[in-house]
Amino acid sequence: MTDAREATTDSTDDATGSQAAGDGADTPEAGGPVPLLEPREGIPPVVADAAALAEVVARFAAGTGPVAIDAERASGYRYGQRAYLVQLRRQGAGSTLIDPVGCPDLSSLGAALADTEWVLHAATQDLPCLAELGMRPTSLFDTELAGRIAGFPRVGLGPMVESVLGFTLEKGHSAVDWSTRPLPEPWLRYAALDVEVLVDLRDALEAELDAQGKLDWAKEEFAAIAAAGPPAPRVDPWRRTSGVHKVRRRRQLAAVKELWQTRDRVARDRDISPGRILSDAAIVTAALAMPANIHALQALPGFGPRVHRRALEQWFAAVETARAIPEAQLPPPSAPHEGPPPPRSWAEKDPLAAARLAGARSAVGTLAESLNLPQENLVSPDLVRRVSWSPPSPATAEAVATALRGHGARSWQSELVAPVLAKAFAQARTPAPVPPAASANGQG
């Protein structure tokens, strides 16, 4: 099949490339979306040595306009979130695929693109692994976040390209093991296509945001992402074990912790995804059962006869370690945290705060709906909880806006949200006490 873009774009990816957005016979209205089958210059060779990388750096430094960037990780296969392929495309430079295994330091490329706007989809997913390679943007455009702010119901790259540009992307290779070497040609084709029309998507979304009066909001969000430092280490990451809510006793929680930490060490040493070493379900099952010996452990789901004896011994040793921990050193039932208590306890601890939160949630939901925005993009639920628990006094719109910004809200968010929160707080009332229920014999 002939690539539908051949009539509208050439191999230099010049200004006519914007026609890939589809404003003629290739639009959905004129017969449905057009599949993207091949990169317009073909699949670029994989860059895996210093000489080839130097040529790429020179070529992209000489390019013009924004640069489309994507990265592929081996989530579910390898430990950590390192990049195993980096894809870039820029006007005048074409596309390139870089193997970070052969080129682990991309700081020269990052420096060449320092003053260039990066276009990424779901930027916060790729920026950490790109930073590990020495690449950090000073400005960016996140097409997924732009889609959210613009009110699109589906913001994955495939749906966005289809609904905005009228093309379909094949997404069947998104979850493969990108640490595989050599990378199969269909995977490379898929990777190159992911950056093929990313700048076209950026331009179309910028126009849409501008038309909706939301472009400044998006720019403020993009600037915050670009300026953000690395995320803080999670406190007690073992508490994120799926199913841990079933574990009620502190000694059983200690077993979850010991098993999780043992699994993490093994996974890191072997560079294998922790879930492939031992499932979360198996960890929780063993913690609940607290098996008395290896035979009892082996009888549990996830520890059957296919598990090597040496592995069984290390899992049982983790359970035994938990069993021996002094009572005073057992982990608390919930993770320590700063900020307000869980909302489910507000009605008992502070009924007026609970009323403020209920009113605030309702007001934010109504405002988000009127703006065609997801509530979490209008303002994070955590900020609403914090300001509802400890509002400024008096809770004027200006004071609430200051409080929101103090907790990390952007200016556009605080300007929109503060007035409705201030009104909700002013209207909040402590619920009237519920009279005691009458006894079964009708007496009070």
Protein backbone atom coordinates (compact mmCIF):
# COMPACT_ATOMS: atom_id res chain seq x y z
CA MET A 1 0.00 0.00 0.00
CA THR A 2 1.27 3.48 -0.85
CA ASP A 3 1.85 5.69 2.20
CA ALA A 4 -0.91 8.30 2.13
CA ARG A 5 1.56 10.98 3.22
CA GLU A 6 3.69 10.76 0.08
CA ALA A 7 1.50 13.30 -1.65
CA THR A 8 1.76 15.84 1.16
CA THR A 9 5.26 15.46 2.67
CA ASP A 10 8.76 15.05 1.32
CA SER A 11 11.88 13.46 2.75
CA THR A 12 13.16 16.74 4.18
CA ASP A 13 10.15 16.95 6.51
CA ASP A 14 9.69 20.63 5.67
CA ALA A 15 6.78 22.88 6.46
CA THR A 16 4.43 20.88 4.26
CA GLY A 17 4.74 18.07 6.79
CA SER A 18 2.01 19.75 8.79
CA GLN A 19 -0.40 18.51 6.13
CA ALA A 20 0.02 15.08 7.69
CA ALA A 21 -2.60 16.33 10.10
CA GLY A 22 -5.00 15.65 7.26
CA ASP A 23 -7.17 18.42 5.88
CA GLY A 24 -8.18 16.78 2.63
CA ALA A 25 -8.94 13.35 1.30
CA ASP A 26 -7.12 11.61 4.16
CA THR A 27 -9.32 12.97 6.94
CA PRO A 28 -11.68 10.67 8.88
CA GLU A 29 -14.64 12.59 7.47
CA ALA A 30 -13.56 11.62 3.95
CA GLY A 31 -13.46 7.88 4.53
CA GLY A 32 -11.95 6.97 7.88
CA PRO A 33 -8.47 7.15 9.41
CA VAL A 34 -5.44 6.26 7.30
CA PRO A 35 -3.02 3.69 8.73
CA LEU A 36 0.60 4.74 9.09
CA LEU A 37 2.54 1.78 7.77
CA GLU A 38 6.08 3.04 7.11
CA PRO A 39 8.20 5.99 8.28
CA ARG A 40 8.39 8.52 5.47
CA GLU A 41 12.15 7.99 4.96
CA GLY A 42 12.03 4.32 5.89
CA ILE A 43 13.31 2.74 9.10
CA PRO A 44 16.47 4.61 10.16
CA PRO A 45 19.53 2.57 11.15
CA VAL A 46 20.04 2.05 14.87
CA VAL A 47 22.80 4.28 16.25
CA ALA A 48 24.98 2.22 18.58
CA ASP A 49 28.49 3.73 18.58
CA ALA A 50 30.22 7.05 19.23
CA ALA A 51 30.92 7.89 15.59
CA ALA A 52 27.32 7.41 14.50
CA LEU A 53 26.12 9.35 17.55
CA ALA A 54 28.37 12.30 16.68
CA GLU A 55 26.80 12.44 13.21
CA VAL A 56 23.31 12.42 14.76
CA VAL A 57 24.25 15.23 17.16
CA ALA A 58 25.47 17.39 14.27
CA ARG A 59 22.41 16.62 12.17
CA PHE A 60 19.90 17.41 14.92
CA ALA A 61 21.78 20.54 15.99
CA ALA A 62 21.36 21.80 12.41
CA GLY A 63 17.65 20.99 12.35
CA THR A 64 14.90 23.50 12.96
CA GLY A 65 11.79 23.66 15.09
CA PRO A 66 10.71 21.37 17.93
CA VAL A 67 12.15 17.87 18.31
CA ALA A 68 9.89 14.86 18.82
CA ILE A 69 11.30 12.46 21.41
CA ASP A 70 10.19 9.06 22.71
CA ALA A 71 11.84 6.28 24.70
CA GLU A 72 11.15 2.58 25.04
CA ARG A 73 11.69 0.74 28.31
CA ALA A 74 11.50 -2.93 29.24
CA SER A 75 8.84 -2.54 31.93
CA GLY A 76 7.70 -5.92 33.17
CA TYR A 77 10.93 -7.57 32.02
CA ARG A 78 13.85 -5.69 33.58
CA TYR A 79 14.52 -4.12 36.95
CA GLY A 80 14.15 -0.35 36.90
CA GLN A 81 12.98 1.96 34.16
CA ARG A 82 16.06 2.55 32.01
CA ALA A 83 15.64 3.32 28.32
CA TYR A 84 16.51 0.65 25.76
CA LEU A 85 15.72 2.74 22.69
CA VAL A 86 15.46 6.49 22.12
CA GLN A 87 13.65 7.86 19.07
CA LEU A 88 13.93 11.44 17.78
CA ARG A 89 12.63 13.39 14.81
CA ARG A 90 13.21 17.01 13.82
CA GLN A 91 12.53 19.08 10.74
CA GLY A 92 15.62 19.08 8.54
CA ALA A 93 17.15 16.18 10.47
CA GLY A 94 14.70 13.36 9.82
CA SER A 95 14.35 10.52 12.31
CA THR A 96 16.89 8.54 14.29
CA LEU A 97 16.86 5.52 16.58
CA ILE A 98 19.54 5.37 19.29
CA ASP A 99 20.51 2.29 21.29
CA PRO A 100 21.37 3.44 24.85
CA VAL A 101 23.13 0.13 25.49
CA GLY A 102 25.77 1.07 22.92
CA CYS A 103 25.48 4.83 23.60
CA PRO A 104 24.85 5.18 27.35
CA ASP A 105 25.85 8.87 27.44
CA LEU A 106 23.63 11.14 25.34
CA SER A 107 24.65 14.37 27.08
CA SER A 108 26.15 15.71 23.84
CA LEU A 109 22.80 15.28 22.13
CA GLY A 110 21.03 16.83 25.11
CA ALA A 111 23.37 19.84 24.92
CA ALA A 112 22.73 20.21 21.18
CA LEU A 113 18.98 20.32 21.87
CA ALA A 114 19.21 22.48 25.01
CA ASP A 115 17.39 25.45 23.49
CA THR A 116 14.90 23.33 21.54
CA GLU A 117 11.34 22.57 22.58
CA TRP A 118 10.92 18.84 23.17
CA VAL A 119 7.64 17.22 22.13
CA LEU A 120 6.80 14.12 24.15
CA HIS A 121 3.67 12.11 24.87
CA ALA A 122 3.23 11.51 28.62
CA ALA A 123 6.48 13.33 29.36
CA THR A 124 6.74 12.34 33.01
CA GLN A 125 7.05 8.68 31.99
CA ASP A 126 10.05 9.24 29.71
CA LEU A 127 11.92 12.13 31.32
CA PRO A 128 13.48 10.09 34.18
CA CYS A 129 15.06 7.52 31.85
CA LEU A 130 16.19 10.27 29.46
CA ALA A 131 17.78 12.13 32.37
CA GLU A 132 19.77 8.98 33.20
CA LEU A 133 21.27 9.29 29.72
CA GLY A 134 22.15 12.97 30.21
CA MET A 135 19.18 14.48 28.37
CA ARG A 136 17.06 17.12 30.14
CA PRO A 137 14.73 19.61 28.45
CA THR A 138 14.48 23.30 29.24
CA SER A 139 11.10 23.55 27.51
CA LEU A 140 8.62 20.93 26.37
CA PHE A 141 5.17 20.24 24.97
CA ASP A 142 3.38 17.19 26.35
CA THR A 143 0.78 16.00 23.84
CA GLU A 144 -0.95 13.71 26.37
CA LEU A 145 -1.35 16.50 28.93
CA ALA A 146 -2.43 18.89 26.16
CA GLY A 147 -5.13 16.40 25.23
CA ARG A 148 -6.33 16.22 28.82
CA ILE A 149 -6.50 20.00 29.16
CA ALA A 150 -8.28 20.26 25.81
CA GLY A 151 -10.91 17.80 27.06
CA PHE A 152 -10.25 14.80 24.83
CA PRO A 153 -11.83 11.66 26.34
CA ARG A 154 -8.99 9.33 25.20
CA VAL A 155 -5.45 10.65 25.41
CA GLY A 156 -3.25 7.68 24.53
CA LEU A 157 -0.96 8.39 21.58
CA GLY A 158 -2.87 6.12 19.21
CA PRO A 159 -6.33 7.59 19.94
CA MET A 160 -4.95 11.15 19.87
CA VAL A 161 -3.25 10.69 16.50
CA GLU A 162 -6.42 9.16 15.11
CA SER A 163 -8.88 11.73 16.45
CA VAL A 164 -6.70 14.81 15.80
CA LEU A 165 -4.69 13.90 12.69
CA GLY A 166 -6.78 11.18 11.09
CA PHE A 167 -4.09 8.48 11.12
CA THR A 168 -3.90 5.16 12.94
CA LEU A 169 -0.75 3.92 14.67
CA GLU A 170 -0.10 0.24 15.22
CA LYS A 171 0.43 -0.16 18.98
CA GLY A 172 0.97 -3.91 19.21
CA HIS A 173 4.62 -3.65 20.28
CA SER A 174 4.20 -1.24 23.18
CA ALA A 175 4.65 -3.92 25.86
CA VAL A 176 7.44 -6.02 24.34
CA ASP A 177 10.85 -6.62 25.91
CA TRP A 178 12.84 -3.71 24.49
CA SER A 179 16.04 -5.06 26.06
CA THR A 180 16.01 -7.75 23.35
CA ARG A 181 19.01 -7.58 21.03
CA PRO A 182 18.95 -7.33 18.10
CA LEU A 183 15.65 -5.49 17.99
CA PRO A 184 13.32 -6.98 15.36
CA GLU A 185 12.51 -4.83 12.34
CA PRO A 186 8.75 -4.59 13.12
CA TRP A 187 9.62 -3.16 16.54
CA LEU A 188 11.95 -0.60 14.99
CA ARG A 189 9.27 0.40 12.50
CA TYR A 190 6.79 0.84 15.35
CA ALA A 191 9.32 2.93 17.31
CA ALA A 192 10.10 5.20 14.35
CA LEU A 193 6.40 5.76 13.67
CA ASP A 194 5.84 6.90 17.26
CA VAL A 195 7.73 10.14 16.53
CA GLU A 196 6.63 10.40 12.91
CA VAL A 197 3.72 12.79 13.42
CA LEU A 198 4.32 13.92 17.00
CA VAL A 199 5.18 17.50 16.00
CA ASP A 200 2.10 17.61 13.73
CA LEU A 201 0.03 16.50 16.74
CA ARG A 202 1.67 19.18 18.88
CA ASP A 203 0.79 21.92 16.36
CA ALA A 204 -2.83 20.79 16.06
CA LEU A 205 -3.24 20.61 19.84
CA GLU A 206 -1.67 24.01 20.34
CA ALA A 207 -4.22 25.48 17.93
CA GLU A 208 -7.05 23.67 19.75
CA LEU A 209 -5.90 24.88 23.17
CA ASP A 210 -5.59 28.41 21.85
CA ALA A 211 -9.12 28.27 20.44
CA GLN A 212 -10.43 27.09 23.82
CA GLY A 213 -8.54 29.80 25.73
CA LYS A 214 -6.47 27.15 27.55
CA LEU A 215 -3.07 27.54 25.91
CA ASP A 216 -1.59 29.58 28.77
CA TRP A 217 -2.78 26.92 31.23
CA ALA A 218 -1.01 24.21 29.25
CA LYS A 219 2.18 26.26 28.94
CA GLU A 220 2.29 26.70 32.70
CA GLU A 221 1.89 22.96 33.18
CA PHE A 222 4.63 22.18 30.65
CA ALA A 223 7.01 24.64 32.33
CA ALA A 224 6.38 23.00 35.71
CA ILE A 225 7.21 19.55 34.28
CA ALA A 226 10.42 20.80 32.65
CA ALA A 227 11.53 22.54 35.86
CA ALA A 228 10.71 19.66 38.20
CA GLY A 229 13.55 17.77 39.82
CA PRO A 230 13.71 13.99 40.23
CA PRO A 231 10.86 12.53 42.28
CA ALA A 232 11.52 11.97 45.96
CA PRO A 233 12.08 8.34 47.00
CA ARG A 234 8.90 6.64 48.09
CA VAL A 235 8.43 6.08 51.80
CA ASP A 236 7.93 2.38 52.56
CA PRO A 237 7.58 1.29 48.90
CA TRP A 238 6.74 -2.23 50.08
CA ARG A 239 3.35 -0.89 51.21
CA ARG A 240 2.39 -0.58 47.55
CA THR A 241 2.29 -4.37 47.26
CA SER A 242 -0.97 -5.25 45.54
CA GLY A 243 -3.37 -6.80 48.06
CA VAL A 244 -1.54 -5.53 51.15
CA HIS A 245 -4.84 -4.08 52.40
CA LYS A 246 -5.82 -7.66 53.32
CA VAL A 247 -2.98 -7.81 55.84
CA ARG A 248 -4.15 -6.53 59.22
CA ARG A 249 -1.63 -7.79 61.78
CA ARG A 250 1.65 -5.96 62.23
CA ARG A 251 3.74 -9.15 62.19
CA GLN A 252 2.15 -10.14 58.92
CA LEU A 253 2.97 -6.67 57.62
CA ALA A 254 6.56 -7.31 58.67
CA ALA A 255 6.50 -10.47 56.56
CA VAL A 256 5.26 -8.47 53.55
CA LYS A 257 8.12 -6.03 54.09
CA GLU A 258 10.79 -8.75 54.42
CA LEU A 259 9.54 -10.70 51.41
CA TRP A 260 9.25 -7.52 49.31
CA GLN A 261 12.76 -6.38 50.23
CA THR A 262 14.23 -9.83 49.53
CA ARG A 263 12.50 -9.92 46.16
CA ASP A 264 13.76 -6.43 45.36
CA ARG A 265 17.37 -7.36 46.12
CA VAL A 266 17.17 -10.48 43.95
CA ALA A 267 15.47 -8.57 41.12
CA ARG A 268 18.06 -5.79 41.21
CA ASP A 269 20.98 -8.24 41.26
CA ARG A 270 19.54 -10.24 38.35
CA ASP A 271 18.13 -7.22 36.46
CA ILE A 272 14.71 -8.82 36.25
CA SER A 273 11.33 -7.25 36.92
CA PRO A 274 10.37 -8.03 40.56
CA GLY A 275 7.02 -9.45 39.47
CA ARG A 276 8.84 -12.12 37.49
CA ILE A 277 10.75 -13.16 40.61
CA LEU A 278 7.73 -13.46 42.91
CA SER A 279 4.21 -12.12 42.46
CA ASP A 280 2.59 -9.66 44.84
CA ALA A 281 -0.19 -12.20 45.39
CA ALA A 282 2.35 -14.78 46.57
CA ILE A 283 3.91 -12.27 48.98
CA VAL A 284 0.53 -11.46 50.54
CA THR A 285 -0.47 -15.14 50.71
CA ALA A 286 2.73 -16.06 52.54
CA ALA A 287 2.40 -13.13 54.94
CA LEU A 288 -1.16 -14.08 55.84
CA ALA A 289 -0.26 -17.75 56.32
CA MET A 290 3.09 -17.23 58.13
CA PRO A 291 4.09 -20.82 57.26
CA ALA A 292 5.91 -22.72 59.99
CA ASN A 293 8.33 -24.55 57.64
CA ILE A 294 9.42 -24.77 54.03
CA HIS A 295 6.95 -27.57 53.28
CA ALA A 296 4.07 -25.38 54.45
CA LEU A 297 5.41 -22.52 52.32
CA GLN A 298 5.67 -24.78 49.27
CA ALA A 299 1.99 -25.69 49.67
CA LEU A 300 0.98 -22.06 49.12
CA PRO A 301 0.07 -20.64 45.69
CA GLY A 302 3.13 -19.14 44.05
CA PHE A 303 5.59 -21.39 45.91
CA GLY A 304 4.82 -24.74 44.30
CA PRO A 305 7.12 -27.51 43.07
CA ARG A 306 8.41 -25.40 40.15
CA VAL A 307 10.13 -23.04 42.61
CA HIS A 308 13.78 -23.97 43.17
CA ARG A 309 14.72 -25.20 46.65
CA ARG A 310 17.25 -22.39 47.08
CA ALA A 311 14.56 -19.81 46.26
CA LEU A 312 12.17 -21.42 48.73
CA GLU A 313 14.84 -21.18 51.41
CA GLN A 314 15.33 -17.44 50.85
CA TRP A 315 11.57 -16.76 50.94
CA PHE A 316 11.19 -18.81 54.11
CA ALA A 317 14.15 -17.00 55.65
CA ALA A 318 12.32 -13.71 55.03
CA VAL A 319 9.25 -15.05 56.86
CA GLU A 320 11.44 -16.25 59.73
CA THR A 321 13.08 -12.82 59.97
CA ALA A 322 9.63 -11.24 60.28
CA ARG A 323 8.68 -13.79 62.92
CA ALA A 324 11.72 -12.85 65.03
CA ILE A 325 11.29 -9.06 64.98
CA PRO A 326 10.59 -7.67 68.47
CA GLU A 327 7.07 -6.40 68.94
CA ALA A 328 8.19 -2.80 69.42
CA GLN A 329 9.97 -2.82 66.05
CA LEU A 330 7.09 -4.13 63.95
CA PRO A 331 5.90 -1.76 61.22
CA PRO A 332 2.90 0.41 62.09
CA PRO A 333 -0.44 -0.45 60.46
CA SER A 334 -0.18 2.51 58.07
CA ALA A 335 2.66 4.47 56.58
CA PRO A 336 3.74 7.65 58.35
CA HIS A 337 2.67 10.71 56.41
CA GLU A 338 2.50 14.45 56.75
CA GLY A 339 -0.69 16.32 56.07
CA PRO A 340 -4.32 15.66 56.95
CA PRO A 341 -5.62 12.28 58.10
CA PRO A 342 -7.48 9.97 55.70
CA PRO A 343 -10.83 11.58 54.75
CA ARG A 344 -12.80 8.61 56.06
CA SER A 345 -11.90 9.70 59.61
CA TRP A 346 -12.77 13.37 59.18
CA ALA A 347 -16.41 13.10 60.20
CA GLU A 348 -15.31 11.86 63.62
CA LYS A 349 -12.19 13.98 64.06
CA ASP A 350 -13.51 17.28 62.67
CA PRO A 351 -17.09 17.31 61.34
CA LEU A 352 -16.76 20.86 60.01
CA ALA A 353 -13.66 19.91 58.02
CA ALA A 354 -15.59 16.95 56.62
CA ALA A 355 -18.34 19.32 55.54
CA ARG A 356 -15.80 21.65 53.93
CA LEU A 357 -14.29 18.75 52.00
CA ALA A 358 -17.67 17.52 50.77
CA GLY A 359 -18.58 20.99 49.56
CA ALA A 360 -15.15 21.53 48.01
CA ARG A 361 -15.26 18.27 46.09
CA SER A 362 -18.69 19.06 44.72
CA ALA A 363 -17.68 22.60 43.73
CA VAL A 364 -14.47 21.45 42.02
CA GLY A 365 -16.37 18.75 40.15
CA THR A 366 -18.91 21.25 38.86
CA LEU A 367 -16.19 23.69 37.81
CA ALA A 368 -14.17 20.97 36.05
CA GLU A 369 -17.23 19.85 34.13
CA SER A 370 -17.97 23.42 33.02
CA LEU A 371 -14.37 23.78 31.76
CA ASN A 372 -14.32 20.35 30.10
CA LEU A 373 -11.32 19.39 32.22
CA PRO A 374 -10.54 16.26 34.28
CA GLN A 375 -10.82 17.20 37.95
CA GLU A 376 -7.29 15.99 38.70
CA ASN A 377 -5.87 18.35 36.08
CA LEU A 378 -7.88 21.28 37.36
CA VAL A 379 -6.50 20.73 40.87
CA SER A 380 -5.09 17.64 42.56
CA PRO A 381 -7.35 15.92 45.12
CA ASP A 382 -4.49 16.12 47.63
CA LEU A 383 -4.48 19.94 47.46
CA VAL A 384 -8.23 20.06 47.97
CA ARG A 385 -7.88 17.84 51.05
CA ARG A 386 -5.04 19.88 52.53
CA VAL A 387 -6.78 23.24 52.16
CA SER A 388 -10.10 21.81 53.34
CA TRP A 389 -8.48 20.40 56.48
CA SER A 390 -6.54 23.57 57.34
CA PRO A 391 -8.11 26.52 55.52
CA PRO A 392 -6.74 30.04 55.95
CA SER A 393 -8.59 32.36 58.29
CA PRO A 394 -10.45 34.19 57.00
CA ALA A 395 -10.92 31.88 54.00
CA THR A 396 -11.19 34.56 51.35
CA ALA A 397 -10.61 33.71 47.72
CA GLU A 398 -7.26 35.51 47.85
CA ALA A 399 -6.17 33.64 50.97
CA VAL A 400 -7.26 30.29 49.56
CA ALA A 401 -5.37 31.03 46.34
CA THR A 402 -2.23 31.75 48.35
CA ALA A 403 -2.69 28.51 50.29
CA LEU A 404 -3.12 26.52 47.08
CA ARG A 405 0.02 27.99 45.57
CA GLY A 406 1.88 27.23 48.79
CA HIS A 407 0.99 23.57 48.29
CA GLY A 408 2.21 23.57 44.68
CA ALA A 409 -0.80 24.64 42.61
CA ARG A 410 -0.03 26.59 39.45
CA SER A 411 -1.28 30.16 39.12
CA TRP A 412 -4.00 29.27 36.61
CA GLN A 413 -5.28 26.53 38.90
CA SER A 414 -5.43 28.72 42.00
CA GLU A 415 -7.12 31.56 40.11
CA LEU A 416 -9.88 29.25 38.91
CA VAL A 417 -10.31 27.06 41.97
CA ALA A 418 -9.85 29.47 44.88
CA PRO A 419 -13.18 31.34 44.46
CA VAL A 420 -15.26 28.15 44.40
CA LEU A 421 -13.39 26.69 47.38
CA ALA A 422 -13.81 29.90 49.36
CA LYS A 423 -17.55 29.82 48.67
CA ALA A 424 -17.80 26.14 49.62
CA PHE A 425 -15.93 26.76 52.88
CA ALA A 426 -18.22 29.69 53.75
CA GLN A 427 -21.30 27.52 53.19
CA ALA A 428 -19.99 24.53 55.17
CA ARG A 429 -21.87 23.75 58.36
CA THR A 430 -21.31 21.20 61.12
CA PRO A 431 -23.92 18.45 60.72
CA ALA A 432 -26.64 18.43 63.33
CA PRO A 433 -26.16 15.71 65.96
CA VAL A 434 -28.09 12.53 65.29
CA PRO A 435 -30.51 11.72 68.15
CA PRO A 436 -29.96 8.39 69.89
CA ALA A 437 -31.91 5.56 68.28
CA ALA A 438 -34.91 4.36 70.20
CA SER A 439 -34.54 1.03 71.92
CA ALA A 440 -36.35 -2.05 70.67
CA ASN A 441 -39.09 -1.63 73.31
CA GLY A 442 -39.82 1.95 72.23
CA GLN A 443 -38.09 3.66 75.17
CA GLY A 444 -35.38 6.38 74.62
